[in-house]
Amino acid sequence: MPLEQLVEALRGGVISLLSDGATAEWRVTGAELLDHPEALATTAPGHLLLGVGLDIADRDALGAALRTAEDQSCALAVKCPTPPPPEVSAQVATARVPVLTIDPRVPWTRVQRLVTTILTARRAVAEPGGGGTTGGDLFSLANAVAGIVGGAVAIMDTQQVVVAYSNLPDQPIDETRRRGILGRRVPEDALADHLNREVWVSDTVVRRHRPGDLPRTAVVIRAGEDVLGSLWVAFPDEAAGAGCGPTLQEAARVAALHMLALRRQVDAEQESRDRALRHALEGRSGQGDDPPGGVGLPAVLVGLAEGVQEGGDEEPWEAGTAARRRAALLRALDLAVLDGRSLGHEPAAALLGERVYLLLPAAGSGSVSTGVLLDHLLDRARHSLHRSFTAVDSPTVETTSALLAARRDIDAALDHLRERRAGPGAYHAGDLRPELVLRRLVGAVREDAELRTGIAERLRAHDAEHATDYCATLLTYLRHFGDVAAASGELHIHQNTLRLRLRRAEELFGVALADPTRRLLLTLELTALAGLSEPPTRG
């Protein structure tokens, strides 16, 4: 496929040309990983080399990658921000091969899949007899196949969603087909049979007969090695459909082209929603309350962060660990979108910093609630990614300003849960509202000297100078609402010792524990000071 056509086919911010290297003369025959020496040794000219793990800021590494591409007569794809750094542009400008840039947010696995499936689809169209595969749609295809083989056809994607079905008169039908068409997905009780391994690993048609249902014949829909879905035909009896294998296999090849187009459309819509959500959460979507295009409101916002590991010990923030964590977050984002789609939602997702944000429209067609979806996602992440995550969801938001406020609440809730070393799982921002309000009050007191009386700073300075414990004693006493027995138990001191410290604090610093207003202010100031290595200045 001409390189320019491949770039055009992957438009939408996924891939673009960084340097042409006489692009008009280049044709792409496949994709290969740059860091796979054994494969590169036998790679034919014309491949697109994917620079997985290549740091373009390392001039020597980029130079070596360019030389490899030139030696193999292959194009090179690298992850690079837009616009690229001037030094990178200058280095690739002299390359004798095309250099393409990939959006850093797009996983390499997805780039490889897109390139492979687009090239496979082009080959299928170019094959003899393939020219007639571009007309009609999946419903027309289902009816055409049903008319030829005499059965009822249904086409499903990899998420078990029914994307098309035949509707000819007098078709055979059973309860499973009826419920599948009404719900537009494979019924729960039929999933085990639908996902039977024999079906999905076979290169030919497979006969299945589930008790209580009509007999069926299935064939997997593939584009190269990429599985796109499956085509099923229900027959009135076991004898019907004999010899229909070649027809169904040809139908699967035609369906693959339509499903590739459908996948590209879905991916483009997903990218649009993700981009709109990212801009909205960053405050780049305007000042009004009207949601930007692509953000479906009203909706529920969910924040995901990696949970505190079992045992309470966190990995040190070394460069390698940070990279692994970000990779896990990107995989969690992909998993969240896939799970949302599979359960009937149309989510938007964004990775900002070390957190994944997921927007689930309140009017979605999903048959499960947000809570069930979150539990399912966290369980999948634990088993598939071997990572534990903490999730916090917001109440329903209806405006962009409410969306920004929801993100602030979720961020505060995730910070609060991490500081409290709460276990991974799903939480609700509404349930944590009192803690979030207190955090904001304490944060304001900590940052603004005008909101402090100064007594807490004097107490802390005295503790530092004389090795006393007035701050900890008073804060524990106040948090226990004046319960001497409970406070002394937490401090591991005698009750009389606690009472003596309280009297000395009143004498030395004018602490008025009997005054409700002063008691409240002292609690806020001491809480604001807790955890700071140095007391805040009064300037």
Protein backbone atom coordinates (compact mmCIF):
# COMPACT_ATOMS: atom_id res chain seq x y z
CA MET A 1 0.00 0.00 0.00
CA PRO A 2 1.40 3.46 -0.83
CA LEU A 3 2.68 5.09 2.35
CA GLU A 4 0.68 8.25 1.70
CA GLN A 5 -2.53 6.19 1.56
CA LEU A 6 -1.65 4.43 4.81
CA VAL A 7 -1.07 7.77 6.53
CA GLU A 8 -4.40 9.02 5.17
CA ALA A 9 -6.15 5.84 6.36
CA LEU A 10 -4.76 6.42 9.88
CA ARG A 11 -5.68 10.08 10.00
CA GLY A 12 -7.27 11.62 13.07
CA GLY A 13 -4.08 12.36 15.00
CA VAL A 14 -2.87 8.77 15.15
CA ILE A 15 -0.01 9.08 12.64
CA SER A 16 1.57 11.79 10.51
CA LEU A 17 4.73 12.36 8.46
CA LEU A 18 7.75 13.79 10.25
CA SER A 19 10.01 13.65 7.18
CA ASP A 20 9.03 12.47 3.73
CA GLY A 21 12.17 10.62 2.52
CA ALA A 22 10.70 10.54 -1.00
CA THR A 23 7.34 9.32 0.38
CA ALA A 24 5.62 9.10 -3.01
CA GLU A 25 7.85 6.17 -3.99
CA TRP A 26 7.35 4.17 -0.78
CA ARG A 27 4.97 1.26 -0.42
CA VAL A 28 4.29 -0.44 2.90
CA THR A 29 4.05 -4.23 3.00
CA GLY A 30 3.77 -4.81 6.76
CA ALA A 31 4.76 -3.70 10.25
CA GLU A 32 7.65 -4.97 12.38
CA LEU A 33 9.14 -4.03 15.76
CA LEU A 34 12.41 -2.12 15.62
CA ASP A 35 13.75 -3.93 18.71
CA HIS A 36 13.25 -7.46 17.32
CA PRO A 37 16.68 -8.36 15.84
CA GLU A 38 15.68 -11.87 14.74
CA ALA A 39 12.69 -10.59 12.78
CA LEU A 40 14.66 -7.68 11.30
CA ALA A 41 17.25 -10.10 9.91
CA THR A 42 14.60 -11.49 7.54
CA THR A 43 12.44 -8.38 7.11
CA ALA A 44 11.75 -7.54 3.47
CA PRO A 45 12.09 -3.94 2.27
CA GLY A 46 9.00 -1.80 2.61
CA HIS A 47 8.04 -2.63 6.17
CA LEU A 48 7.11 0.02 8.71
CA LEU A 49 9.47 -0.31 11.69
CA LEU A 50 7.77 0.56 15.00
CA GLY A 51 10.22 2.27 17.36
CA VAL A 52 8.85 0.74 20.55
CA GLY A 53 10.84 2.03 23.53
CA LEU A 54 12.89 4.42 21.38
CA ASP A 55 13.75 7.66 23.20
CA ILE A 56 13.86 10.32 20.48
CA ALA A 57 15.59 12.70 22.91
CA ASP A 58 18.61 10.37 22.78
CA ARG A 59 20.40 11.55 19.63
CA ASP A 60 22.55 8.40 19.38
CA ALA A 61 19.58 6.05 19.77
CA LEU A 62 17.55 7.93 17.15
CA GLY A 63 20.54 7.92 14.79
CA ALA A 64 20.95 4.16 15.18
CA ALA A 65 17.23 3.63 14.48
CA LEU A 66 17.44 5.74 11.32
CA ARG A 67 20.47 3.77 10.10
CA THR A 68 18.64 0.48 10.72
CA ALA A 69 15.67 1.70 8.72
CA GLU A 70 17.92 2.83 5.87
CA ASP A 71 19.83 -0.47 5.86
CA GLN A 72 16.54 -2.43 5.67
CA SER A 73 14.91 0.05 3.21
CA CYS A 74 12.05 0.45 5.67
CA ALA A 75 10.08 3.43 6.96
CA LEU A 76 10.40 4.33 10.66
CA ALA A 77 7.62 5.24 13.11
CA VAL A 78 8.46 6.99 16.40
CA LYS A 79 6.40 8.48 19.22
CA CYS A 80 6.88 12.22 19.19
CA PRO A 81 4.98 15.26 20.51
CA THR A 82 3.46 17.79 18.11
CA PRO A 83 5.25 19.94 17.13
CA PRO A 84 8.45 17.88 17.40
CA PRO A 85 11.50 19.32 19.20
CA PRO A 86 13.71 21.31 16.76
CA GLU A 87 16.71 19.04 17.34
CA VAL A 88 14.65 15.98 16.40
CA SER A 89 13.31 17.66 13.25
CA ALA A 90 16.85 18.60 12.24
CA GLN A 91 18.15 15.05 12.77
CA VAL A 92 15.44 13.30 10.74
CA ALA A 93 15.42 15.92 7.97
CA THR A 94 18.43 14.27 6.35
CA ALA A 95 17.02 10.73 6.58
CA ARG A 96 16.77 8.84 3.31
CA VAL A 97 13.68 6.95 4.50
CA PRO A 98 10.27 8.26 5.57
CA VAL A 99 9.91 8.96 9.30
CA LEU A 100 6.40 8.97 10.77
CA THR A 101 5.33 10.27 14.15
CA ILE A 102 2.78 8.51 16.35
CA ASP A 103 0.64 10.30 18.93
CA PRO A 104 2.35 9.42 22.27
CA ARG A 105 -1.06 8.59 23.77
CA VAL A 106 -1.76 5.80 21.24
CA PRO A 107 -0.53 2.35 22.39
CA TRP A 108 1.95 0.67 20.04
CA THR A 109 -0.21 -2.47 20.02
CA ARG A 110 -3.04 -0.46 18.54
CA VAL A 111 -0.79 1.04 15.85
CA GLN A 112 0.43 -2.43 14.88
CA ARG A 113 -3.14 -3.75 14.76
CA LEU A 114 -4.41 -0.85 12.65
CA VAL A 115 -1.56 -1.10 10.13
CA THR A 116 -1.95 -4.89 9.84
CA THR A 117 -5.72 -4.85 9.42
CA ILE A 118 -5.70 -2.01 6.88
CA LEU A 119 -3.10 -3.81 4.75
CA THR A 120 -5.02 -7.09 5.05
CA ALA A 121 -8.26 -5.42 4.01
CA ARG A 122 -6.56 -3.90 0.96
CA ARG A 123 -5.19 -7.30 -0.08
CA ALA A 124 -8.64 -8.85 0.31
CA VAL A 125 -10.17 -6.24 -1.99
CA ALA A 126 -7.36 -6.72 -4.51
CA GLU A 127 -7.82 -10.50 -4.69
CA PRO A 128 -9.73 -12.01 -7.63
CA GLY A 129 -13.40 -11.71 -6.94
CA GLY A 130 -12.76 -9.18 -4.19
CA GLY A 131 -13.97 -6.20 -6.14
CA GLY A 132 -17.57 -6.90 -5.27
CA THR A 133 -17.03 -6.80 -1.53
CA THR A 134 -17.40 -3.08 -1.01
CA GLY A 135 -21.11 -2.66 -1.69
CA GLY A 136 -24.08 -2.94 0.64
CA ASP A 137 -23.89 -3.18 4.43
CA LEU A 138 -23.81 -5.88 7.09
CA PHE A 139 -27.61 -6.21 7.22
CA SER A 140 -27.73 -6.68 3.45
CA LEU A 141 -24.94 -9.23 3.73
CA ALA A 142 -26.83 -11.10 6.48
CA ASN A 143 -29.98 -11.25 4.33
CA ALA A 144 -28.02 -12.37 1.27
CA VAL A 145 -26.33 -15.20 3.18
CA ALA A 146 -29.61 -16.22 4.81
CA GLY A 147 -31.26 -16.43 1.40
CA ILE A 148 -28.46 -18.64 0.03
CA VAL A 149 -28.07 -21.11 2.92
CA GLY A 150 -31.67 -21.16 4.19
CA GLY A 151 -30.91 -20.19 7.79
CA ALA A 152 -31.17 -17.18 10.11
CA VAL A 153 -27.93 -15.14 10.21
CA ALA A 154 -26.50 -13.07 13.07
CA ILE A 155 -23.18 -11.20 13.06
CA MET A 156 -21.47 -10.37 16.36
CA ASP A 157 -18.36 -8.35 17.22
CA THR A 158 -15.70 -9.41 19.72
CA GLN A 159 -17.67 -7.84 22.58
CA GLN A 160 -20.63 -10.17 21.81
CA VAL A 161 -22.72 -7.28 20.50
CA VAL A 162 -25.13 -8.20 17.68
CA VAL A 163 -24.15 -5.74 14.94
CA ALA A 164 -26.39 -7.17 12.18
CA TYR A 165 -28.93 -9.94 11.57
CA SER A 166 -31.10 -11.22 8.74
CA ASN A 167 -34.81 -10.41 8.72
CA LEU A 168 -36.21 -12.47 5.86
CA PRO A 169 -39.78 -13.87 6.18
CA ASP A 170 -40.28 -17.35 7.66
CA GLN A 171 -36.76 -17.60 9.09
CA PRO A 172 -36.12 -20.20 11.79
CA ILE A 173 -35.99 -18.59 15.23
CA ASP A 174 -35.57 -19.75 18.81
CA GLU A 175 -35.64 -17.98 22.19
CA THR A 176 -31.88 -17.30 22.21
CA ARG A 177 -32.05 -15.56 18.82
CA ARG A 178 -35.14 -13.59 19.84
CA ARG A 179 -33.51 -12.30 23.05
CA GLY A 180 -30.23 -11.63 21.26
CA ILE A 181 -31.94 -9.43 18.67
CA LEU A 182 -34.06 -7.58 21.24
CA GLY A 183 -31.09 -6.95 23.53
CA ARG A 184 -28.60 -6.52 20.64
CA ARG A 185 -26.12 -8.81 22.39
CA VAL A 186 -25.55 -12.50 23.09
CA PRO A 187 -27.77 -13.53 26.05
CA GLU A 188 -25.89 -14.30 29.27
CA ASP A 189 -26.97 -17.94 29.38
CA ALA A 190 -25.66 -18.50 25.82
CA LEU A 191 -22.25 -16.86 26.32
CA ALA A 192 -20.45 -20.05 27.28
CA ASP A 193 -21.52 -21.73 24.05
CA HIS A 194 -20.81 -18.59 21.99
CA LEU A 195 -17.29 -18.30 23.42
CA ASN A 196 -16.47 -21.98 22.99
CA ARG A 197 -12.77 -22.30 22.13
CA GLU A 198 -13.46 -24.67 19.23
CA VAL A 199 -15.25 -21.84 17.40
CA TRP A 200 -12.62 -19.15 17.86
CA VAL A 201 -9.51 -21.16 16.98
CA SER A 202 -10.96 -22.85 13.90
CA ASP A 203 -10.11 -21.79 10.35
CA THR A 204 -13.30 -23.37 9.02
CA VAL A 205 -16.97 -23.45 9.96
CA VAL A 206 -17.98 -25.15 13.22
CA ARG A 207 -21.29 -26.84 14.00
CA ARG A 208 -22.83 -26.17 17.45
CA HIS A 209 -26.08 -27.43 18.95
CA ARG A 210 -26.93 -26.07 22.38
CA PRO A 211 -29.72 -27.96 24.21
CA GLY A 212 -33.05 -26.19 23.74
CA ASP A 213 -31.83 -24.16 20.75
CA LEU A 214 -31.83 -24.69 17.01
CA PRO A 215 -28.60 -26.14 15.56
CA ARG A 216 -26.11 -23.50 14.47
CA THR A 217 -23.06 -23.13 12.25
CA ALA A 218 -20.42 -20.53 13.17
CA VAL A 219 -17.43 -19.00 11.43
CA VAL A 220 -14.93 -16.50 12.81
CA ILE A 221 -14.52 -13.15 11.02
CA ARG A 222 -10.83 -12.27 10.70
CA ALA A 223 -8.59 -9.70 9.03
CA GLY A 224 -5.18 -11.33 8.98
CA GLU A 225 -4.47 -12.42 12.55
CA ASP A 226 -6.94 -9.88 13.94
CA VAL A 227 -10.28 -11.35 15.08
CA LEU A 228 -13.14 -8.93 14.36
CA GLY A 229 -16.17 -11.03 15.30
CA SER A 230 -18.19 -14.05 14.27
CA LEU A 231 -21.04 -15.03 11.94
CA TRP A 232 -23.68 -17.54 13.12
CA VAL A 233 -26.45 -19.24 11.19
CA ALA A 234 -29.40 -20.98 12.89
CA PHE A 235 -30.93 -23.83 10.86
CA PRO A 236 -34.33 -25.50 11.26
CA ASP A 237 -32.75 -28.98 11.72
CA GLU A 238 -29.44 -30.85 11.71
CA ALA A 239 -29.69 -31.80 8.03
CA ALA A 240 -30.09 -28.22 6.83
CA GLY A 241 -26.99 -26.23 5.95
CA ALA A 242 -24.91 -29.17 4.81
CA GLY A 243 -22.25 -27.99 2.39
CA CYS A 244 -22.66 -24.29 3.23
CA GLY A 245 -19.08 -23.97 4.55
CA PRO A 246 -17.54 -22.25 1.48
CA THR A 247 -20.43 -19.76 1.34
CA LEU A 248 -20.06 -18.85 5.02
CA GLN A 249 -16.29 -18.50 4.76
CA GLU A 250 -16.66 -16.14 1.79
CA ALA A 251 -19.32 -14.24 3.73
CA ALA A 252 -16.88 -13.90 6.67
CA ARG A 253 -14.27 -12.37 4.35
CA VAL A 254 -16.80 -9.84 3.07
CA ALA A 255 -18.00 -9.11 6.62
CA ALA A 256 -14.40 -8.42 7.67
CA LEU A 257 -14.21 -5.43 5.31
CA HIS A 258 -17.45 -3.97 6.64
CA MET A 259 -16.39 -4.55 10.24
CA LEU A 260 -13.04 -2.89 9.64
CA ALA A 261 -14.89 0.17 8.41
CA LEU A 262 -17.21 -0.05 11.43
CA ARG A 263 -14.22 -0.38 13.77
CA ARG A 264 -12.56 2.67 12.22
CA GLN A 265 -15.74 4.65 12.71
CA VAL A 266 -16.04 3.52 16.33
CA ASP A 267 -12.36 4.29 16.97
CA ALA A 268 -12.74 7.75 15.42
CA GLU A 269 -15.77 8.46 17.59
CA GLN A 270 -13.93 7.18 20.65
CA GLU A 271 -10.94 9.41 19.92
CA SER A 272 -13.26 12.40 19.54
CA ARG A 273 -14.94 11.69 22.87
CA ASP A 274 -11.61 11.10 24.63
CA ARG A 275 -10.14 14.33 23.25
CA ALA A 276 -13.23 16.34 24.26
CA LEU A 277 -13.12 14.91 27.79
CA ARG A 278 -9.40 15.65 28.13
CA HIS A 279 -9.92 19.26 27.05
CA ALA A 280 -12.91 19.66 29.37
CA LEU A 281 -11.04 18.30 32.39
CA GLU A 282 -8.09 20.59 31.62
CA GLY A 283 -10.41 23.59 31.37
CA ARG A 284 -9.69 24.09 27.65
CA SER A 285 -13.28 23.74 26.42
CA GLY A 286 -14.42 27.32 27.04
CA GLN A 287 -15.90 29.23 29.95
CA GLY A 288 -19.58 28.39 29.42
CA ASP A 289 -21.56 25.56 30.96
CA ASP A 290 -22.46 24.01 27.61
CA PRO A 291 -20.54 20.74 27.20
CA PRO A 292 -18.02 20.59 24.33
CA GLY A 293 -18.80 18.40 21.36
CA GLY A 294 -18.21 14.74 22.14
CA VAL A 295 -18.78 15.03 25.89
CA GLY A 296 -22.15 13.48 26.67
CA LEU A 297 -23.76 15.14 29.69
CA PRO A 298 -25.43 14.42 32.07
CA ALA A 299 -22.89 11.80 33.06
CA VAL A 300 -20.94 10.26 35.92
CA LEU A 301 -17.19 10.96 36.18
CA VAL A 302 -14.93 8.22 37.53
CA GLY A 303 -11.32 8.62 38.62
CA LEU A 304 -8.89 5.67 38.77
CA ALA A 305 -5.54 5.65 40.54
CA GLU A 306 -3.22 2.82 41.39
CA GLY A 307 -4.05 1.59 44.89
CA VAL A 308 -1.71 1.17 47.82
CA GLN A 309 -0.09 -2.24 47.38
CA GLU A 310 -0.85 -5.05 49.76
CA GLY A 311 1.28 -4.73 52.88
CA GLY A 312 1.26 -0.94 52.64
CA ASP A 313 4.68 -0.56 51.03
CA GLU A 314 4.82 1.58 47.91
CA GLU A 315 7.36 1.19 45.15
CA PRO A 316 9.99 3.98 45.09
CA TRP A 317 9.41 6.56 42.36
CA GLU A 318 12.35 5.57 40.21
CA ALA A 319 12.35 6.24 36.47
CA GLY A 320 11.71 2.61 35.58
CA THR A 321 8.91 2.27 38.12
CA ALA A 322 7.23 5.45 36.87
CA ALA A 323 7.32 4.13 33.32
CA ARG A 324 5.81 0.81 34.41
CA ARG A 325 3.07 2.60 36.32
CA ARG A 326 2.21 4.78 33.34
CA ALA A 327 2.10 1.71 31.10
CA ALA A 328 -0.27 0.06 33.58
CA LEU A 329 -2.48 3.16 33.58
CA LEU A 330 -2.62 3.18 29.78
CA ARG A 331 -3.64 -0.46 29.79
CA ALA A 332 -6.24 0.30 32.46
CA LEU A 333 -7.61 3.07 30.22
CA ASP A 334 -7.94 0.67 27.29
CA LEU A 335 -9.55 -1.92 29.56
CA ALA A 336 -12.02 0.66 30.90
CA VAL A 337 -13.15 1.62 27.40
CA LEU A 338 -13.48 -2.00 26.29
CA ASP A 339 -15.41 -2.98 29.41
CA GLY A 340 -17.65 0.06 29.10
CA ARG A 341 -18.46 -0.79 25.50
CA SER A 342 -19.00 -4.47 26.22
CA LEU A 343 -21.54 -3.59 28.93
CA GLY A 344 -23.49 -1.20 26.72
CA HIS A 345 -21.97 2.16 27.69
CA GLU A 346 -20.26 4.73 25.43
CA PRO A 347 -17.45 5.97 27.69
CA ALA A 348 -14.94 8.73 27.17
CA ALA A 349 -11.53 8.24 28.80
CA ALA A 350 -8.47 10.38 29.49
CA LEU A 351 -5.11 9.86 31.21
CA LEU A 352 -4.01 13.01 33.04
CA GLY A 353 -0.95 12.77 35.24
CA GLU A 354 -1.09 9.52 37.17
CA ARG A 355 -4.87 9.13 36.99
CA VAL A 356 -7.38 7.75 34.51
CA TYR A 357 -10.72 9.54 34.14
CA LEU A 358 -13.76 7.81 32.72
CA LEU A 359 -16.98 9.60 31.74
CA LEU A 360 -20.10 7.42 31.61
CA PRO A 361 -23.21 9.14 30.18
CA ALA A 362 -26.16 8.81 32.55
CA ALA A 363 -28.46 8.12 29.60
CA GLY A 364 -26.34 5.21 28.35
CA SER A 365 -27.97 2.05 27.13
CA GLY A 366 -25.94 -0.12 29.47
CA SER A 367 -27.84 -2.82 31.27
CA VAL A 368 -25.61 -2.54 34.35
CA SER A 369 -25.13 0.34 36.77
CA THR A 370 -21.95 2.39 37.15
CA GLY A 371 -21.21 0.58 40.41
CA VAL A 372 -21.42 -2.86 38.80
CA LEU A 373 -19.26 -1.66 35.89
CA LEU A 374 -16.61 -0.33 38.30
CA ASP A 375 -16.52 -3.56 40.30
CA HIS A 376 -16.17 -5.52 37.05
CA LEU A 377 -13.40 -3.22 35.80
CA LEU A 378 -11.41 -3.38 39.05
CA ASP A 379 -11.70 -7.17 39.09
CA ARG A 380 -10.55 -7.40 35.44
CA ALA A 381 -7.61 -5.08 36.14
CA ARG A 382 -6.57 -7.15 39.14
CA HIS A 383 -6.53 -10.37 37.12
CA SER A 384 -5.42 -9.06 33.70
CA LEU A 385 -2.97 -6.31 34.70
CA HIS A 386 -1.95 -7.75 38.09
CA ARG A 387 -2.48 -4.29 39.55
CA SER A 388 -4.93 -3.00 42.14
CA PHE A 389 -6.73 0.29 41.53
CA THR A 390 -8.80 2.68 43.61
CA ALA A 391 -11.85 4.14 41.87
CA VAL A 392 -14.00 7.10 42.93
CA ASP A 393 -17.16 8.08 41.09
CA SER A 394 -19.02 11.38 41.24
CA PRO A 395 -22.72 12.12 41.46
CA THR A 396 -24.33 12.87 38.08
CA VAL A 397 -22.98 16.08 36.51
CA GLU A 398 -24.87 18.11 33.92
CA THR A 399 -22.58 21.05 33.02
CA THR A 400 -18.91 21.60 32.19
CA SER A 401 -18.35 23.61 35.38
CA ALA A 402 -19.87 20.75 37.39
CA LEU A 403 -17.56 18.36 35.53
CA LEU A 404 -14.51 20.37 36.62
CA ALA A 405 -15.82 20.45 40.20
CA ALA A 406 -16.35 16.68 40.05
CA ARG A 407 -12.72 16.21 38.99
CA ARG A 408 -11.55 18.33 41.93
CA ASP A 409 -13.65 16.23 44.31
CA ILE A 410 -12.38 12.97 42.82
CA ASP A 411 -8.76 14.13 43.00
CA ALA A 412 -9.24 15.18 46.63
CA ALA A 413 -10.94 11.87 47.43
CA LEU A 414 -8.13 9.84 45.82
CA ASP A 415 -5.52 11.89 47.73
CA HIS A 416 -7.47 11.38 50.96
CA LEU A 417 -7.76 7.62 50.43
CA ARG A 418 -4.05 7.29 49.65
CA GLU A 419 -3.07 9.30 52.72
CA ARG A 420 -5.34 7.11 54.85
CA ARG A 421 -3.85 4.05 53.10
CA ALA A 422 -7.33 2.82 52.31
CA GLY A 423 -7.52 -0.47 50.44
CA PRO A 424 -8.15 -0.59 46.68
CA GLY A 425 -11.77 -0.71 45.57
CA ALA A 426 -14.68 1.48 44.48
CA TYR A 427 -15.68 4.55 46.51
CA HIS A 428 -18.27 7.31 46.06
CA ALA A 429 -17.30 10.98 46.25
CA GLY A 430 -20.70 11.72 47.83
CA ASP A 431 -19.95 9.37 50.74
CA LEU A 432 -16.59 11.10 51.29
CA ARG A 433 -18.04 14.62 51.18
CA PRO A 434 -17.39 15.44 54.88
CA GLU A 435 -13.73 14.43 54.55
CA LEU A 436 -13.38 16.47 51.34
CA VAL A 437 -14.88 19.59 52.96
CA LEU A 438 -12.51 19.22 55.92
CA ARG A 439 -9.53 18.87 53.54
CA ARG A 440 -10.48 22.12 51.83
CA LEU A 441 -10.90 23.93 55.15
CA VAL A 442 -7.56 22.63 56.44
CA GLY A 443 -5.86 23.46 53.13
CA ALA A 444 -7.18 27.02 53.25
CA VAL A 445 -5.98 27.42 56.86
CA ARG A 446 -2.56 26.02 55.94
CA GLU A 447 -2.10 28.36 52.95
CA ASP A 448 -3.54 31.61 54.31
CA ALA A 449 -2.01 33.16 57.43
CA GLU A 450 -5.07 35.43 57.78
CA LEU A 451 -7.12 32.34 58.65
CA ARG A 452 -4.85 31.34 61.56
CA THR A 453 -4.65 32.78 65.09
CA GLY A 454 -1.01 31.69 65.38
CA ILE A 455 -1.44 29.63 68.53
CA ALA A 456 -0.64 26.36 66.75
CA GLU A 457 2.67 27.78 65.46
CA ARG A 458 3.60 28.83 69.00
CA LEU A 459 2.77 25.38 70.32
CA ARG A 460 4.86 23.73 67.60
CA ALA A 461 7.82 26.05 68.16
CA HIS A 462 7.73 25.27 71.87
CA ASP A 463 7.59 21.52 71.18
CA ALA A 464 10.61 21.79 68.87
CA GLU A 465 12.63 23.83 71.34
CA HIS A 466 11.76 21.96 74.56
CA ALA A 467 11.00 18.43 73.25
CA THR A 468 7.41 18.58 74.51
CA ASP A 469 4.27 17.12 72.93
CA TYR A 470 1.64 19.83 73.30
CA CYS A 471 0.57 19.73 69.62
CA ALA A 472 -0.03 15.98 69.52
CA THR A 473 -1.67 15.99 72.97
CA LEU A 474 -4.13 18.79 72.18
CA LEU A 475 -5.01 17.49 68.70
CA THR A 476 -5.68 13.97 70.02
CA TYR A 477 -7.77 15.34 72.89
CA LEU A 478 -9.82 17.54 70.53
CA ARG A 479 -10.37 14.71 68.03
CA HIS A 480 -11.76 12.58 70.84
CA PHE A 481 -14.17 15.40 71.80
CA GLY A 482 -12.61 15.84 75.23
CA ASP A 483 -12.74 12.15 76.18
CA VAL A 484 -9.71 11.92 78.49
CA ALA A 485 -9.73 8.13 78.69
CA ALA A 486 -9.81 7.64 74.89
CA ALA A 487 -7.19 10.34 74.20
CA SER A 488 -4.77 9.10 76.86
CA GLY A 489 -5.17 5.56 75.54
CA GLU A 490 -4.21 6.61 71.99
CA LEU A 491 -1.24 8.63 73.32
CA HIS A 492 -0.17 5.77 75.66
CA ILE A 493 0.05 8.09 78.68
CA HIS A 494 -1.71 8.16 82.04
CA GLN A 495 -4.94 10.15 82.26
CA ASN A 496 -3.43 12.40 84.97
CA THR A 497 -0.48 13.14 82.66
CA LEU A 498 -2.90 14.21 79.95
CA ARG A 499 -4.81 16.46 82.35
CA LEU A 500 -1.54 18.05 83.50
CA ARG A 501 -0.49 18.81 79.91
CA LEU A 502 -3.87 20.40 79.18
CA ARG A 503 -3.59 22.68 82.25
CA ARG A 504 -0.03 23.65 81.33
CA ALA A 505 -1.12 24.48 77.76
CA GLU A 506 -3.83 26.78 79.13
CA GLU A 507 -1.32 28.49 81.44
CA LEU A 508 1.56 28.84 78.92
CA PHE A 509 -0.30 29.63 75.71
CA GLY A 510 -3.75 30.82 76.70
CA VAL A 511 -5.47 27.76 75.22
CA ALA A 512 -9.20 28.10 75.95
CA LEU A 513 -10.60 24.59 75.69
CA ALA A 514 -13.92 25.62 77.18
CA ASP A 515 -14.63 28.11 74.36
CA PRO A 516 -16.29 26.29 71.35
CA THR A 517 -15.03 28.84 68.79
CA ARG A 518 -11.43 28.74 69.97
CA ARG A 519 -11.60 24.95 70.24
CA LEU A 520 -12.74 24.70 66.59
CA LEU A 521 -10.03 27.09 65.36
CA LEU A 522 -7.35 25.26 67.33
CA THR A 523 -8.47 21.94 65.84
CA LEU A 524 -8.22 23.32 62.29
CA GLU A 525 -4.82 24.92 62.89
CA LEU A 526 -3.31 21.86 64.53
CA THR A 527 -4.69 19.64 61.75
CA ALA A 528 -3.21 21.99 59.14
CA LEU A 529 0.18 21.79 60.84
CA ALA A 530 0.13 17.98 61.12
CA GLY A 531 2.47 16.36 58.62
CA LEU A 532 4.43 19.56 57.78
CA SER A 533 8.19 19.39 58.32
CA GLU A 534 8.25 23.15 58.96
CA PRO A 535 5.48 25.38 60.31
CA PRO A 536 3.96 27.80 57.75
CA THR A 537 5.21 31.36 57.88
CA ARG A 538 2.99 34.20 59.01
CA GLY A 539 4.01 36.51 56.18
